[in-house]
Amino acid sequence: MFILSLTYTARLSEVDRHIEPHMDWVKDGYDRGIFLASGRKNPRTGGVIFARGTRADIEAIVAADPFTIHGVADTEITEVTVTRTADGLEGLAE
């Protein structure tokens, strides 16, 4: 599993100009079965996405994010080997 940590590098007004295409990109990640959970950081400085796939798949999907394309966010990709989960989340373990 991968944790994608997005950090805004531009003002929120600039980020918001790209939010609709970014959310379409997020929806596509879910539709493709890559994204498992996502949400905004609080305070609103970026977001976090839990994803699955190969590192090459994840790097490619991050490169296609409108936030990446337009340079309004940086994304840190962290690979995690899940070995224990709460009841109901067993599908996250590898």
N, C-alpha and C. Protein backbone atom coordinates (compact mmCIF):
# COMPACT_ATOMS: atom_id res chain seq x y z
N MET A 1 0.85 -1.16 0.00
CA MET A 1 0.00 0.00 0.00
C MET A 1 0.90 1.23 0.00
N PHE A 2 0.34 2.32 -0.51
CA PHE A 2 1.06 3.57 -0.56
C PHE A 2 0.25 4.67 0.12
N ILE A 3 0.95 5.57 0.77
CA ILE A 3 0.34 6.78 1.31
C ILE A 3 0.86 7.93 0.47
N LEU A 4 -0.07 8.66 -0.14
CA LEU A 4 0.28 9.84 -0.92
C LEU A 4 -0.05 11.04 -0.06
N SER A 5 0.96 11.82 0.27
CA SER A 5 0.77 13.01 1.09
C SER A 5 0.98 14.23 0.20
N LEU A 6 -0.11 14.91 -0.12
CA LEU A 6 -0.06 16.10 -0.96
C LEU A 6 0.08 17.33 -0.08
N THR A 7 1.01 18.20 -0.44
CA THR A 7 1.22 19.46 0.27
C THR A 7 1.13 20.59 -0.74
N TYR A 8 0.23 21.53 -0.48
CA TYR A 8 0.07 22.65 -1.39
C TYR A 8 1.33 23.51 -1.43
N THR A 9 1.70 23.94 -2.62
CA THR A 9 2.85 24.80 -2.82
C THR A 9 2.43 26.16 -3.36
N ALA A 10 1.14 26.36 -3.51
CA ALA A 10 0.59 27.61 -4.03
C ALA A 10 -0.52 28.08 -3.09
N ARG A 11 -0.92 29.32 -3.26
CA ARG A 11 -2.03 29.85 -2.47
C ARG A 11 -3.30 29.05 -2.74
N LEU A 12 -4.19 29.02 -1.74
CA LEU A 12 -5.44 28.26 -1.90
C LEU A 12 -6.25 28.75 -3.08
N SER A 13 -6.21 30.03 -3.39
CA SER A 13 -6.95 30.53 -4.55
C SER A 13 -6.44 29.87 -5.84
N GLU A 14 -5.15 29.62 -5.93
CA GLU A 14 -4.58 28.95 -7.10
C GLU A 14 -4.92 27.46 -7.07
N VAL A 15 -4.83 26.84 -5.90
CA VAL A 15 -5.20 25.43 -5.75
C VAL A 15 -6.65 25.25 -6.18
N ASP A 16 -7.53 26.13 -5.72
CA ASP A 16 -8.96 26.01 -6.02
C ASP A 16 -9.26 26.13 -7.51
N ARG A 17 -8.40 26.78 -8.28
CA ARG A 17 -8.59 26.86 -9.73
C ARG A 17 -8.48 25.48 -10.37
N HIS A 18 -7.81 24.56 -9.70
CA HIS A 18 -7.57 23.22 -10.25
C HIS A 18 -8.31 22.12 -9.48
N ILE A 19 -9.17 22.51 -8.54
CA ILE A 19 -9.80 21.50 -7.67
C ILE A 19 -10.75 20.58 -8.44
N GLU A 20 -11.51 21.13 -9.39
CA GLU A 20 -12.47 20.28 -10.12
C GLU A 20 -11.76 19.20 -10.94
N PRO A 21 -10.74 19.55 -11.76
CA PRO A 21 -10.04 18.48 -12.46
C PRO A 21 -9.30 17.54 -11.52
N HIS A 22 -8.81 18.05 -10.39
CA HIS A 22 -8.17 17.18 -9.39
C HIS A 22 -9.17 16.17 -8.85
N MET A 23 -10.38 16.63 -8.54
CA MET A 23 -11.39 15.71 -8.01
C MET A 23 -11.83 14.69 -9.06
N ASP A 24 -11.84 15.07 -10.33
CA ASP A 24 -12.08 14.10 -11.40
C ASP A 24 -10.98 13.05 -11.42
N TRP A 25 -9.74 13.49 -11.21
CA TRP A 25 -8.59 12.58 -11.14
C TRP A 25 -8.73 11.63 -9.94
N VAL A 26 -9.17 12.17 -8.80
CA VAL A 26 -9.40 11.32 -7.61
C VAL A 26 -10.47 10.28 -7.92
N LYS A 27 -11.58 10.71 -8.52
CA LYS A 27 -12.67 9.77 -8.87
C LYS A 27 -12.15 8.67 -9.78
N ASP A 28 -11.32 9.03 -10.76
CA ASP A 28 -10.75 8.04 -11.66
C ASP A 28 -9.89 7.03 -10.90
N GLY A 29 -9.13 7.50 -9.91
CA GLY A 29 -8.33 6.59 -9.09
C GLY A 29 -9.18 5.58 -8.35
N TYR A 30 -10.33 6.02 -7.85
CA TYR A 30 -11.27 5.10 -7.21
C TYR A 30 -11.90 4.15 -8.23
N ASP A 31 -12.32 4.69 -9.37
CA ASP A 31 -12.95 3.87 -10.41
C ASP A 31 -12.01 2.77 -10.89
N ARG A 32 -10.71 3.06 -10.91
CA ARG A 32 -9.71 2.09 -11.36
C ARG A 32 -9.30 1.12 -10.25
N GLY A 33 -9.83 1.31 -9.03
CA GLY A 33 -9.51 0.42 -7.92
C GLY A 33 -8.15 0.69 -7.30
N ILE A 34 -7.56 1.86 -7.59
CA ILE A 34 -6.24 2.20 -7.05
C ILE A 34 -6.36 2.91 -5.71
N PHE A 35 -7.28 3.85 -5.59
CA PHE A 35 -7.44 4.61 -4.36
C PHE A 35 -8.39 3.89 -3.41
N LEU A 36 -8.01 3.88 -2.13
CA LEU A 36 -8.77 3.19 -1.09
C LEU A 36 -9.46 4.16 -0.14
N ALA A 37 -8.85 5.30 0.12
CA ALA A 37 -9.40 6.32 1.02
C ALA A 37 -8.65 7.63 0.74
N SER A 38 -9.33 8.75 1.00
CA SER A 38 -8.68 10.04 0.76
C SER A 38 -9.38 11.13 1.55
N GLY A 39 -8.70 12.25 1.71
CA GLY A 39 -9.30 13.39 2.38
C GLY A 39 -8.33 14.54 2.53
N ARG A 40 -8.88 15.68 2.93
CA ARG A 40 -8.08 16.89 3.14
C ARG A 40 -7.35 16.84 4.46
N LYS A 41 -6.19 17.48 4.50
CA LYS A 41 -5.50 17.69 5.77
C LYS A 41 -6.22 18.81 6.51
N ASN A 42 -6.14 18.79 7.82
CA ASN A 42 -6.74 19.83 8.64
C ASN A 42 -5.66 20.39 9.56
N PRO A 43 -5.22 21.63 9.38
CA PRO A 43 -5.78 22.65 8.51
C PRO A 43 -5.52 22.31 7.04
N ARG A 44 -6.20 23.03 6.15
CA ARG A 44 -6.19 22.72 4.72
C ARG A 44 -4.86 23.13 4.08
N THR A 45 -3.89 22.24 4.20
CA THR A 45 -2.57 22.44 3.62
C THR A 45 -2.25 21.41 2.55
N GLY A 46 -3.21 20.53 2.26
CA GLY A 46 -3.01 19.47 1.29
C GLY A 46 -4.00 18.35 1.55
N GLY A 47 -3.59 17.14 1.21
CA GLY A 47 -4.47 15.99 1.39
C GLY A 47 -3.67 14.72 1.51
N VAL A 48 -4.39 13.62 1.78
CA VAL A 48 -3.78 12.30 1.91
C VAL A 48 -4.64 11.31 1.14
N ILE A 49 -3.96 10.41 0.43
CA ILE A 49 -4.65 9.34 -0.30
C ILE A 49 -3.97 8.03 0.05
N PHE A 50 -4.76 7.02 0.36
CA PHE A 50 -4.28 5.65 0.53
C PHE A 50 -4.51 4.95 -0.79
N ALA A 51 -3.47 4.32 -1.33
CA ALA A 51 -3.56 3.73 -2.67
C ALA A 51 -2.87 2.37 -2.70
N ARG A 52 -3.22 1.60 -3.73
CA ARG A 52 -2.57 0.30 -3.92
C ARG A 52 -2.16 0.16 -5.38
N GLY A 53 -1.18 -0.68 -5.62
CA GLY A 53 -0.64 -0.89 -6.95
C GLY A 53 0.86 -1.01 -6.87
N THR A 54 1.51 -0.95 -8.00
CA THR A 54 2.97 -0.97 -8.02
C THR A 54 3.49 0.46 -7.88
N ARG A 55 4.73 0.60 -7.49
CA ARG A 55 5.31 1.94 -7.38
C ARG A 55 5.22 2.65 -8.73
N ALA A 56 5.49 1.94 -9.82
CA ALA A 56 5.42 2.55 -11.15
C ALA A 56 4.01 3.05 -11.44
N ASP A 57 2.99 2.26 -11.07
CA ASP A 57 1.60 2.70 -11.26
C ASP A 57 1.32 3.96 -10.46
N ILE A 58 1.76 3.99 -9.21
CA ILE A 58 1.49 5.12 -8.33
C ILE A 58 2.22 6.37 -8.84
N GLU A 59 3.47 6.21 -9.24
CA GLU A 59 4.21 7.36 -9.77
C GLU A 59 3.55 7.92 -11.03
N ALA A 60 3.03 7.03 -11.87
CA ALA A 60 2.36 7.48 -13.10
C ALA A 60 1.07 8.22 -12.79
N ILE A 61 0.29 7.70 -11.83
CA ILE A 61 -0.97 8.36 -11.52
C ILE A 61 -0.71 9.71 -10.84
N VAL A 62 0.32 9.81 -10.01
CA VAL A 62 0.67 11.10 -9.38
C VAL A 62 1.10 12.10 -10.46
N ALA A 63 1.85 11.64 -11.44
CA ALA A 63 2.29 12.53 -12.52
C ALA A 63 1.11 13.08 -13.32
N ALA A 64 0.00 12.36 -13.34
CA ALA A 64 -1.19 12.78 -14.09
C ALA A 64 -2.14 13.66 -13.29
N ASP A 65 -1.86 13.86 -12.00
CA ASP A 65 -2.70 14.70 -11.15
C ASP A 65 -2.61 16.15 -11.63
N PRO A 66 -3.75 16.80 -11.88
CA PRO A 66 -3.71 18.21 -12.27
C PRO A 66 -2.94 19.09 -11.27
N PHE A 67 -2.97 18.75 -10.00
CA PHE A 67 -2.19 19.52 -9.02
C PHE A 67 -0.70 19.41 -9.32
N THR A 68 -0.24 18.23 -9.73
CA THR A 68 1.16 18.02 -10.10
C THR A 68 1.47 18.75 -11.41
N ILE A 69 0.61 18.56 -12.39
CA ILE A 69 0.82 19.15 -13.71
C ILE A 69 0.95 20.67 -13.62
N HIS A 70 0.10 21.29 -12.79
CA HIS A 70 0.08 22.75 -12.68
C HIS A 70 0.98 23.28 -11.56
N GLY A 71 1.69 22.38 -10.87
CA GLY A 71 2.67 22.80 -9.88
C GLY A 71 2.10 23.45 -8.63
N VAL A 72 0.87 23.06 -8.24
CA VAL A 72 0.27 23.67 -7.05
C VAL A 72 0.39 22.78 -5.82
N ALA A 73 0.94 21.57 -5.99
CA ALA A 73 1.13 20.66 -4.85
C ALA A 73 2.30 19.73 -5.13
N ASP A 74 3.00 19.37 -4.08
CA ASP A 74 4.01 18.32 -4.13
C ASP A 74 3.39 17.08 -3.50
N THR A 75 3.76 15.92 -4.01
CA THR A 75 3.23 14.67 -3.45
C THR A 75 4.38 13.78 -3.00
N GLU A 76 4.37 13.43 -1.72
CA GLU A 76 5.33 12.48 -1.17
C GLU A 76 4.67 11.10 -1.23
N ILE A 77 5.38 10.12 -1.79
CA ILE A 77 4.88 8.75 -1.91
C ILE A 77 5.62 7.90 -0.89
N THR A 78 4.87 7.29 0.03
CA THR A 78 5.45 6.41 1.05
C THR A 78 4.86 5.02 0.90
N GLU A 79 5.70 4.03 0.73
CA GLU A 79 5.24 2.65 0.63
C GLU A 79 5.16 2.06 2.04
N VAL A 80 4.06 1.37 2.32
CA VAL A 80 3.83 0.76 3.63
C VAL A 80 3.44 -0.70 3.42
N THR A 81 4.06 -1.60 4.18
CA THR A 81 3.63 -2.99 4.20
C THR A 81 2.72 -3.16 5.40
N VAL A 82 1.43 -3.27 5.15
CA VAL A 82 0.45 -3.39 6.23
C VAL A 82 0.48 -4.82 6.75
N THR A 83 0.72 -4.96 8.05
CA THR A 83 0.79 -6.29 8.65
C THR A 83 -0.30 -6.54 9.68
N ARG A 84 -1.00 -5.48 10.08
CA ARG A 84 -2.08 -5.62 11.06
C ARG A 84 -3.13 -4.56 10.79
N THR A 85 -4.39 -4.94 10.94
CA THR A 85 -5.49 -4.01 10.70
C THR A 85 -6.59 -4.18 11.75
N ALA A 86 -7.45 -3.20 11.83
CA ALA A 86 -8.65 -3.31 12.65
C ALA A 86 -9.63 -4.23 11.94
N ASP A 87 -10.58 -4.78 12.70
CA ASP A 87 -11.61 -5.63 12.10
C ASP A 87 -12.29 -4.88 10.96
N GLY A 88 -12.49 -5.59 9.86
CA GLY A 88 -13.15 -5.01 8.71
C GLY A 88 -12.19 -4.41 7.68
N LEU A 89 -10.92 -4.28 8.05
CA LEU A 89 -9.95 -3.70 7.13
C LEU A 89 -8.88 -4.71 6.70
N GLU A 90 -9.19 -5.96 6.84
CA GLU A 90 -8.22 -7.01 6.53
C GLU A 90 -7.72 -6.94 5.08
N GLY A 91 -8.52 -6.43 4.17
CA GLY A 91 -8.14 -6.32 2.77
C GLY A 91 -6.96 -5.40 2.53
N LEU A 92 -6.60 -4.60 3.54
CA LEU A 92 -5.45 -3.69 3.40
C LEU A 92 -4.12 -4.41 3.62
N ALA A 93 -4.14 -5.51 4.36
CA ALA A 93 -2.92 -6.26 4.66
C ALA A 93 -2.47 -6.98 3.40
N GLU A 94 -1.18 -7.07 3.25
CA GLU A 94 -0.63 -7.73 2.06
C GLU A 94 -0.19 -9.13 2.37
